[in-house]
């Protein structure tokens, strides 16, 4: 009796297994027929080139469906593709998958993926099989602030598969592979661009020099301790109606050349402390050493401001993506400081008429210049 019961139990168990296998075999087709694609979390095996995925932005026209598939239960000759959504709706499951596979790491670049197109399209073939295509169009952007990002590169790709009318587990792995191919493409791009692309740079380095003309001197004088101002430089011969004996109009500018080396942006800045001869004038009879010294000190003040600008910029940590903004803000601040200092100098010396004040400024300027 016990043996028979044992056989009976074994037969029941066997039938149960068969039933479970049948149910398992039709589980995915049922889900697909119901219009839902089940995502499988298969680990993404890749050596990441210094980035992590911070989020996915869905920019598709139709955000509800991931594709149009031929149902496995379709009647031959009536194979009409049905709309298919992704498990959980939208692209949330893919975002979770990529964040898990490419997580945050300190000093890694935060990357946003903007999905322009991600669509599976199936068509019935004459022989009863199904032809599937997956179109992928992504934009990879670098997150640079709360609401700011910088475009890096676009990716466009297509995957293709052919399945039998009864297969139900082809679309999901094909879609996952298409996405993985996009990530591999971007990873390779990052490896190649990391040391040469300014957007991906790690830091900014300033290298200063003083601008000098390689050509023979023309109308513009560029500051040099070896080249003081002379009365011959006062080329404006107009009959100036002024209570002052002479005047010069020195200015401050710079040239900028940028390169990148091993992920460091190097900015070569040549400071221009200049004086246009055509804007300098002197009244007849006023060409003496005292007056010339007063005008030279105006030129020296611009040099002091230039050196202050250098020190300030070298002490700053410039942002990689907007270093020009920081440089320009500091530059215009120094122009205002220069204007203020020139006015203070003329006010205190009474445009050179106050000899004791002039001497104090001479000593101050000489002391500051000696530090360069």
Protein backbone atom coordinates (compact mmCIF):
# COMPACT_ATOMS: atom_id res chain seq x y z
CA UNK A 1 0.00 0.00 0.00
CA UNK A 2 2.84 2.39 0.89
CA UNK A 3 4.62 1.62 -2.42
CA UNK A 4 1.50 2.39 -4.39
CA UNK A 5 1.09 5.58 -2.40
CA UNK A 6 4.69 6.44 -3.20
CA UNK A 7 4.11 5.91 -6.93
CA UNK A 8 0.96 7.94 -6.70
CA UNK A 9 2.80 10.82 -4.96
CA UNK A 10 5.62 10.70 -7.52
CA UNK A 11 3.15 10.90 -10.40
CA UNK A 12 1.39 13.85 -8.76
CA UNK A 13 4.71 15.64 -8.23
CA UNK A 14 5.71 15.01 -11.83
CA UNK A 15 2.43 16.42 -13.10
CA UNK A 16 2.91 19.46 -10.87
CA UNK A 17 6.36 20.10 -12.34
CA UNK A 18 5.02 19.77 -15.88
CA UNK A 19 2.20 22.19 -15.13
CA UNK A 20 4.66 24.67 -13.60
CA UNK A 21 6.88 24.42 -16.66
CA UNK A 22 3.94 25.06 -18.93
CA UNK A 23 2.92 28.07 -16.82
CA UNK A 24 6.49 29.37 -16.83
CA UNK A 25 6.71 28.89 -20.59
CA UNK A 26 3.66 31.06 -21.16
CA UNK A 27 4.30 33.62 -18.43
CA UNK A 28 6.40 35.99 -20.57
CA UNK A 29 4.12 35.68 -23.60
CA UNK A 30 1.18 36.62 -21.43
CA UNK A 31 3.03 39.64 -20.13
CA UNK A 32 4.06 40.63 -23.62
CA UNK A 33 0.50 40.17 -24.87
CA UNK A 34 -0.67 42.33 -22.00
CA UNK A 35 1.65 45.07 -23.34
CA UNK A 36 4.35 45.00 -20.64
CA UNK A 37 8.03 44.24 -21.21
CA UNK A 38 9.70 42.75 -18.15
CA UNK A 39 13.22 44.10 -17.53
CA UNK A 40 15.89 41.70 -16.27
CA UNK A 41 18.58 43.22 -14.07
CA UNK A 42 21.68 41.63 -15.62
CA UNK A 43 24.92 43.27 -14.31
CA UNK A 44 26.64 45.58 -16.77
CA UNK A 45 30.26 44.47 -16.99
CA UNK A 46 32.38 47.48 -17.91
CA UNK A 47 35.48 49.23 -16.59
CA UNK A 48 34.12 52.72 -16.12
CA UNK A 49 36.18 55.59 -17.52
CA UNK A 50 35.64 58.05 -14.68
CA UNK A 51 31.90 58.76 -14.82
CA UNK A 52 28.64 57.79 -13.20
CA UNK A 53 25.02 58.13 -14.29
CA UNK A 54 23.18 60.75 -12.30
CA UNK A 55 19.82 60.54 -14.09
CA UNK A 56 17.96 59.88 -17.33
CA UNK A 57 15.86 62.53 -19.03
CA UNK A 58 13.13 61.14 -21.25
CA UNK A 59 12.81 63.39 -24.31
CA UNK A 60 10.92 60.91 -26.50
CA UNK A 61 7.83 62.11 -28.30
CA UNK A 62 5.79 59.15 -27.01
CA UNK A 63 6.89 58.45 -23.45
CA UNK A 64 4.31 55.74 -22.81
CA UNK A 65 5.49 52.93 -25.08
CA UNK A 66 8.85 51.25 -25.59
CA UNK A 67 7.84 49.53 -28.79
CA UNK A 68 5.30 47.81 -31.00
CA UNK A 69 5.58 44.02 -30.95
CA UNK A 70 3.86 41.16 -32.69
CA UNK A 71 2.02 39.15 -29.99
CA UNK A 72 3.16 35.51 -29.70
CA UNK A 73 -0.50 34.54 -29.75
CA UNK A 74 -1.14 36.33 -33.05
CA UNK A 75 -2.95 34.40 -35.77
CA UNK A 76 -0.76 33.95 -38.86
CA UNK A 77 -1.80 36.46 -41.50
CA UNK A 78 -3.16 38.82 -38.83
CA UNK A 79 0.11 39.76 -37.19
CA UNK A 80 -0.57 43.32 -36.12
CA UNK A 81 2.03 44.88 -33.84
CA UNK A 82 0.69 45.93 -30.46
CA UNK A 83 1.96 48.83 -28.31
CA UNK A 84 4.30 47.75 -25.52
CA UNK A 85 5.27 49.64 -22.38
CA UNK A 86 8.25 49.02 -20.15
CA UNK A 87 7.85 47.50 -16.72
CA UNK A 88 6.99 50.23 -14.24
CA UNK A 89 6.13 52.73 -16.97
CA UNK A 90 8.44 55.24 -18.63
CA UNK A 91 12.18 54.61 -18.40
CA UNK A 92 12.43 54.38 -14.61
CA UNK A 93 13.55 50.75 -14.63
CA UNK A 94 16.37 51.53 -17.08
CA UNK A 95 17.47 54.53 -15.01
CA UNK A 96 17.59 52.35 -11.88
CA UNK A 97 19.53 49.70 -13.79
CA UNK A 98 22.16 52.16 -15.06
CA UNK A 99 22.51 53.93 -11.72
CA UNK A 100 23.07 50.57 -10.08
CA UNK A 101 25.59 49.47 -12.72
CA UNK A 102 27.35 52.87 -12.93
CA UNK A 103 27.01 54.29 -9.40
CA UNK A 104 28.35 57.48 -7.88
CA UNK A 105 32.05 57.52 -7.12
CA UNK A 106 34.02 60.41 -5.69
CA UNK A 107 35.89 62.48 -8.30
CA UNK A 108 33.92 60.84 -11.12
CA UNK A 109 32.02 62.96 -13.63
CA UNK A 110 28.20 63.11 -13.21
CA UNK A 111 26.58 62.25 -16.54
CA UNK A 112 23.02 62.81 -17.68
CA UNK A 113 21.56 60.62 -20.42
CA UNK A 114 18.91 62.32 -22.52
CA UNK A 115 16.86 59.77 -24.42
CA UNK A 116 15.77 61.13 -27.79
CA UNK A 117 14.58 57.78 -29.15
CA UNK A 118 14.33 54.25 -27.78
CA UNK A 119 11.93 52.09 -29.72
CA UNK A 120 11.43 48.44 -30.62
CA UNK A 121 9.58 47.85 -33.88
CA UNK A 122 8.51 44.39 -35.06
CA UNK A 123 7.15 43.35 -38.45
CA UNK A 124 5.87 39.96 -39.59
CA UNK A 125 7.93 38.23 -42.28
CA UNK A 126 6.32 36.19 -45.10
CA UNK A 127 7.69 32.92 -43.65
CA UNK A 128 5.92 33.48 -40.32
CA UNK A 129 8.94 34.77 -38.43
CA UNK A 130 9.18 38.21 -36.88
CA UNK A 131 11.73 40.90 -37.78
CA UNK A 132 12.66 43.23 -34.92
CA UNK A 133 14.56 46.52 -34.93
CA UNK A 134 15.63 48.66 -31.99
CA UNK A 135 16.43 52.31 -32.64
CA UNK A 136 18.47 54.18 -30.04
CA UNK A 137 19.29 57.91 -29.99
CA UNK A 138 20.90 59.30 -26.85
CA UNK A 139 22.63 62.48 -25.75
CA UNK A 140 25.31 62.25 -23.07
CA UNK A 141 25.68 65.48 -21.08
CA UNK A 142 27.88 66.48 -18.16
CA UNK A 143 26.01 67.80 -15.14
CA UNK A 144 27.68 71.05 -14.15
CA UNK A 145 25.23 72.53 -11.63
CA UNK A 146 21.74 72.27 -10.21
CA UNK A 147 20.09 73.21 -13.50
CA UNK A 148 23.06 73.28 -15.84
CA UNK A 149 24.70 70.72 -18.08
CA UNK A 150 27.26 70.66 -20.88
CA UNK A 151 26.79 68.52 -23.96
CA UNK A 152 29.42 65.83 -24.48
CA UNK A 153 28.46 63.52 -27.34
CA UNK A 154 25.50 61.97 -29.16
CA UNK A 155 24.95 58.29 -29.83
CA UNK A 156 22.74 56.79 -32.52
CA UNK A 157 22.51 53.05 -33.04
CA UNK A 158 20.29 50.24 -34.25
CA UNK A 159 19.98 46.63 -33.12
CA UNK A 160 18.34 43.90 -35.16
CA UNK A 161 16.95 40.46 -34.45
CA UNK A 162 14.74 37.80 -36.03
CA UNK A 163 12.60 35.50 -33.91
CA UNK A 164 10.07 32.81 -34.47
CA UNK A 165 6.43 33.67 -33.96
CA UNK A 166 6.40 31.65 -30.74
CA UNK A 167 9.50 33.21 -29.08
CA UNK A 168 8.75 35.73 -26.39
CA UNK A 169 12.10 36.38 -24.73
CA UNK A 170 14.02 38.12 -27.52
CA UNK A 171 12.97 41.77 -27.29
CA UNK A 172 14.11 42.42 -23.72
CA UNK A 173 17.71 41.14 -24.03
CA UNK A 174 17.98 42.83 -27.43
CA UNK A 175 16.88 46.14 -25.90
CA UNK A 176 19.28 45.74 -23.00
CA UNK A 177 22.14 44.93 -25.38
CA UNK A 178 21.34 48.03 -27.45
CA UNK A 179 21.57 50.19 -24.33
CA UNK A 180 24.77 48.47 -23.24
CA UNK A 181 26.28 49.17 -26.67
CA UNK A 182 25.50 52.86 -26.19
CA UNK A 183 27.17 52.84 -22.77
CA UNK A 184 30.24 51.05 -24.17
CA UNK A 185 30.45 53.63 -26.95
CA UNK A 186 30.28 56.49 -24.44
CA UNK A 187 32.79 54.82 -22.14
CA UNK A 188 35.27 54.53 -25.02
CA UNK A 189 34.64 58.17 -25.92
CA UNK A 190 35.35 59.21 -22.33
CA UNK A 191 38.61 57.25 -22.28
CA UNK A 192 39.81 59.04 -25.40
CA UNK A 193 38.59 62.51 -24.39
CA UNK A 194 39.45 62.60 -20.69
CA UNK A 195 42.86 64.25 -21.13
CA UNK A 196 42.16 66.43 -24.15
CA UNK A 197 38.59 67.71 -23.87
CA UNK A 198 38.29 71.04 -21.97
CA UNK A 199 34.81 70.14 -20.71
CA UNK A 200 36.26 67.09 -18.95
CA UNK A 201 39.32 68.88 -17.57
CA UNK A 202 40.20 68.44 -13.91
CA UNK A 203 41.66 71.89 -13.27
CA UNK A 204 42.82 75.22 -14.72
CA UNK A 205 46.36 76.61 -14.57
CA UNK A 206 47.30 80.22 -15.33
CA UNK A 207 50.70 81.14 -16.76
CA UNK A 208 51.44 84.88 -16.88
CA UNK A 209 53.91 86.88 -18.90
CA UNK A 210 54.32 90.52 -19.91
CA UNK A 211 53.43 91.38 -23.48
CA UNK A 212 56.24 92.68 -25.67
CA UNK A 213 56.12 93.66 -29.31
CA UNK A 214 58.42 91.65 -31.55
CA UNK A 215 58.16 94.33 -34.22
CA UNK A 216 59.79 97.77 -34.16
CA UNK A 217 57.98 100.19 -31.87
CA UNK A 218 55.05 102.02 -33.45
CA UNK A 219 52.41 104.20 -31.80
CA UNK A 220 52.00 101.96 -28.74
CA UNK A 221 54.54 101.62 -25.92
CA UNK A 222 54.41 98.46 -23.80
CA UNK A 223 55.65 98.85 -20.26
CA UNK A 224 59.25 97.96 -19.52
CA UNK A 225 61.60 99.21 -16.78
CA UNK A 226 64.17 99.60 -19.55
CA UNK A 227 61.85 101.80 -21.57
CA UNK A 228 60.70 104.86 -19.58
CA UNK A 229 58.46 107.48 -21.10
CA UNK A 230 60.22 110.34 -22.90
CA UNK A 231 58.90 113.65 -24.16
CA UNK A 232 59.27 112.32 -27.70
CA UNK A 233 56.40 109.95 -26.91
CA UNK A 234 53.93 112.83 -26.57
CA UNK A 235 52.73 112.84 -30.16
CA UNK A 236 49.40 114.63 -29.82
CA UNK A 237 50.28 118.10 -31.12
CA UNK A 238 46.84 119.61 -30.82
CA UNK A 239 46.51 122.98 -29.09
CA UNK A 240 45.06 121.54 -25.89
CA UNK A 241 43.04 123.96 -23.80
CA UNK A 242 43.79 122.61 -20.33
CA UNK A 243 45.13 123.91 -17.05
CA UNK A 244 47.46 120.93 -16.87
CA UNK A 245 50.94 120.77 -18.36
CA UNK A 246 50.76 117.28 -19.88
CA UNK A 247 48.70 114.11 -19.97
CA UNK A 248 49.01 110.46 -20.94
CA UNK A 249 46.34 107.74 -21.28
CA UNK A 250 47.85 104.38 -20.22
CA UNK A 251 45.71 101.24 -20.35
CA UNK A 252 45.58 97.60 -19.28
CA UNK A 253 44.69 94.55 -21.40
CA UNK A 254 45.81 91.01 -22.08
CA UNK A 255 46.06 88.32 -24.70
CA UNK A 256 45.01 84.75 -23.97
CA UNK A 257 46.06 81.42 -25.46
CA UNK A 258 44.61 78.15 -24.19
CA UNK A 259 45.83 74.56 -24.38
CA UNK A 260 45.12 71.35 -22.46
CA UNK A 261 47.56 68.78 -21.19
CA UNK A 262 46.63 65.63 -19.26
CA UNK A 263 43.28 67.03 -18.21
CA UNK A 264 44.65 70.43 -17.13
CA UNK A 265 43.59 73.57 -19.02
CA UNK A 266 46.63 75.83 -19.35
CA UNK A 267 45.91 79.50 -20.00
CA UNK A 268 48.82 81.61 -21.16
CA UNK A 269 48.03 85.25 -20.40
CA UNK A 270 50.30 88.04 -21.63
CA UNK A 271 49.51 91.25 -19.75
CA UNK A 272 49.45 94.43 -21.80
CA UNK A 273 50.39 97.58 -19.88
CA UNK A 274 50.40 100.04 -22.74
CA UNK A 275 50.55 103.70 -23.65
CA UNK A 276 49.41 105.17 -26.99
CA UNK A 277 51.71 107.99 -28.05
CA UNK A 278 48.99 109.58 -30.17
CA UNK A 279 46.87 110.17 -27.04
CA UNK A 280 49.70 111.83 -25.07
CA UNK A 281 50.24 115.59 -25.13
CA UNK A 282 52.42 118.22 -23.47
CA UNK A 283 52.22 121.99 -23.54
CA UNK A 284 55.08 123.88 -24.99
CA UNK A 285 57.55 124.87 -22.30
CA UNK A 286 56.39 122.23 -19.84
CA UNK A 287 58.90 119.57 -20.96
CA UNK A 288 60.91 119.23 -17.73
CA UNK A 289 62.01 116.21 -15.68
CA UNK A 290 59.55 116.85 -12.85
CA UNK A 291 56.52 116.85 -15.12
CA UNK A 292 57.80 113.84 -17.03
CA UNK A 293 58.17 111.92 -13.74
CA UNK A 294 54.57 112.72 -12.83
CA UNK A 295 53.34 111.28 -16.12
CA UNK A 296 55.62 108.24 -15.83
CA UNK A 297 54.00 107.46 -12.48
CA UNK A 298 50.62 107.22 -14.19
CA UNK A 299 52.15 104.51 -16.38
CA UNK A 300 53.71 102.84 -13.29
CA UNK A 301 50.31 102.71 -11.56
CA UNK A 302 48.90 100.62 -14.39
CA UNK A 303 51.85 98.25 -13.95
CA UNK A 304 51.04 97.94 -10.23
CA UNK A 305 47.42 97.10 -11.01
CA UNK A 306 48.57 94.52 -13.57
CA UNK A 307 50.76 92.78 -10.98
CA UNK A 308 47.94 92.84 -8.43
CA UNK A 309 45.67 91.18 -11.00
CA UNK A 310 48.27 88.44 -11.56
CA UNK A 311 48.63 87.71 -7.84
CA UNK A 312 44.89 87.60 -7.33
CA UNK A 313 44.27 85.22 -10.23
CA UNK A 314 47.11 82.88 -9.27
CA UNK A 315 45.60 82.56 -5.79
CA UNK A 316 42.19 81.54 -7.15
CA UNK A 317 40.88 78.11 -8.13
CA UNK A 318 39.22 78.75 -11.45
CA UNK A 319 36.17 76.75 -12.54
CA UNK A 320 36.83 74.44 -15.48
CA UNK A 321 33.69 75.29 -17.40
CA UNK A 322 33.60 79.06 -16.89
CA UNK A 323 37.15 80.18 -16.21
CA UNK A 324 36.79 83.08 -18.67
CA UNK A 325 33.90 84.41 -16.63
CA UNK A 326 36.02 84.52 -13.47
CA UNK A 327 38.95 86.08 -15.33
CA UNK A 328 36.79 88.80 -16.87
CA UNK A 329 35.11 89.67 -13.57
CA UNK A 330 38.50 90.08 -11.89
CA UNK A 331 39.84 92.05 -14.87
CA UNK A 332 37.00 94.59 -14.83
CA UNK A 333 37.36 94.90 -11.05
CA UNK A 334 41.01 95.84 -11.58
CA UNK A 335 40.10 98.37 -14.27
CA UNK A 336 37.85 100.09 -11.76
CA UNK A 337 40.64 99.90 -9.16
CA UNK A 338 43.06 101.40 -11.70
CA UNK A 339 40.73 104.29 -12.42
CA UNK A 340 40.26 104.92 -8.70
CA UNK A 341 44.01 104.84 -8.05
CA UNK A 342 44.78 107.22 -10.92
CA UNK A 343 42.22 109.70 -9.66
CA UNK A 344 43.54 109.39 -6.10
CA UNK A 345 47.10 109.99 -7.34
CA UNK A 346 46.15 113.14 -9.24
CA UNK A 347 43.95 114.38 -6.40
CA UNK A 348 46.61 114.00 -3.70
CA UNK A 349 49.44 115.39 -5.83
CA UNK A 350 47.19 118.06 -7.32
CA UNK A 351 48.32 116.83 -10.74
CA UNK A 352 51.94 117.23 -9.65
CA UNK A 353 51.64 120.68 -8.13
CA UNK A 354 51.99 119.32 -4.56
CA UNK A 355 55.67 118.34 -4.51
CA UNK A 356 55.63 116.67 -1.06
CA UNK A 357 52.65 114.50 -2.03
CA UNK A 358 54.39 113.72 -5.30
CA UNK A 359 57.45 112.56 -3.42
CA UNK A 360 55.35 110.31 -1.17
CA UNK A 361 53.76 108.70 -4.23
CA UNK A 362 57.18 108.32 -5.86
CA UNK A 363 58.44 106.40 -2.84
CA UNK A 364 55.30 104.25 -2.61
CA UNK A 365 55.37 103.33 -6.30
CA UNK A 366 59.09 102.58 -6.28
CA UNK A 367 58.73 100.32 -3.26
CA UNK A 368 55.85 98.40 -4.89
CA UNK A 369 57.70 98.07 -8.19
CA UNK A 370 60.79 96.71 -6.44
CA UNK A 371 58.78 93.63 -5.41
CA UNK A 372 58.34 92.42 -8.99
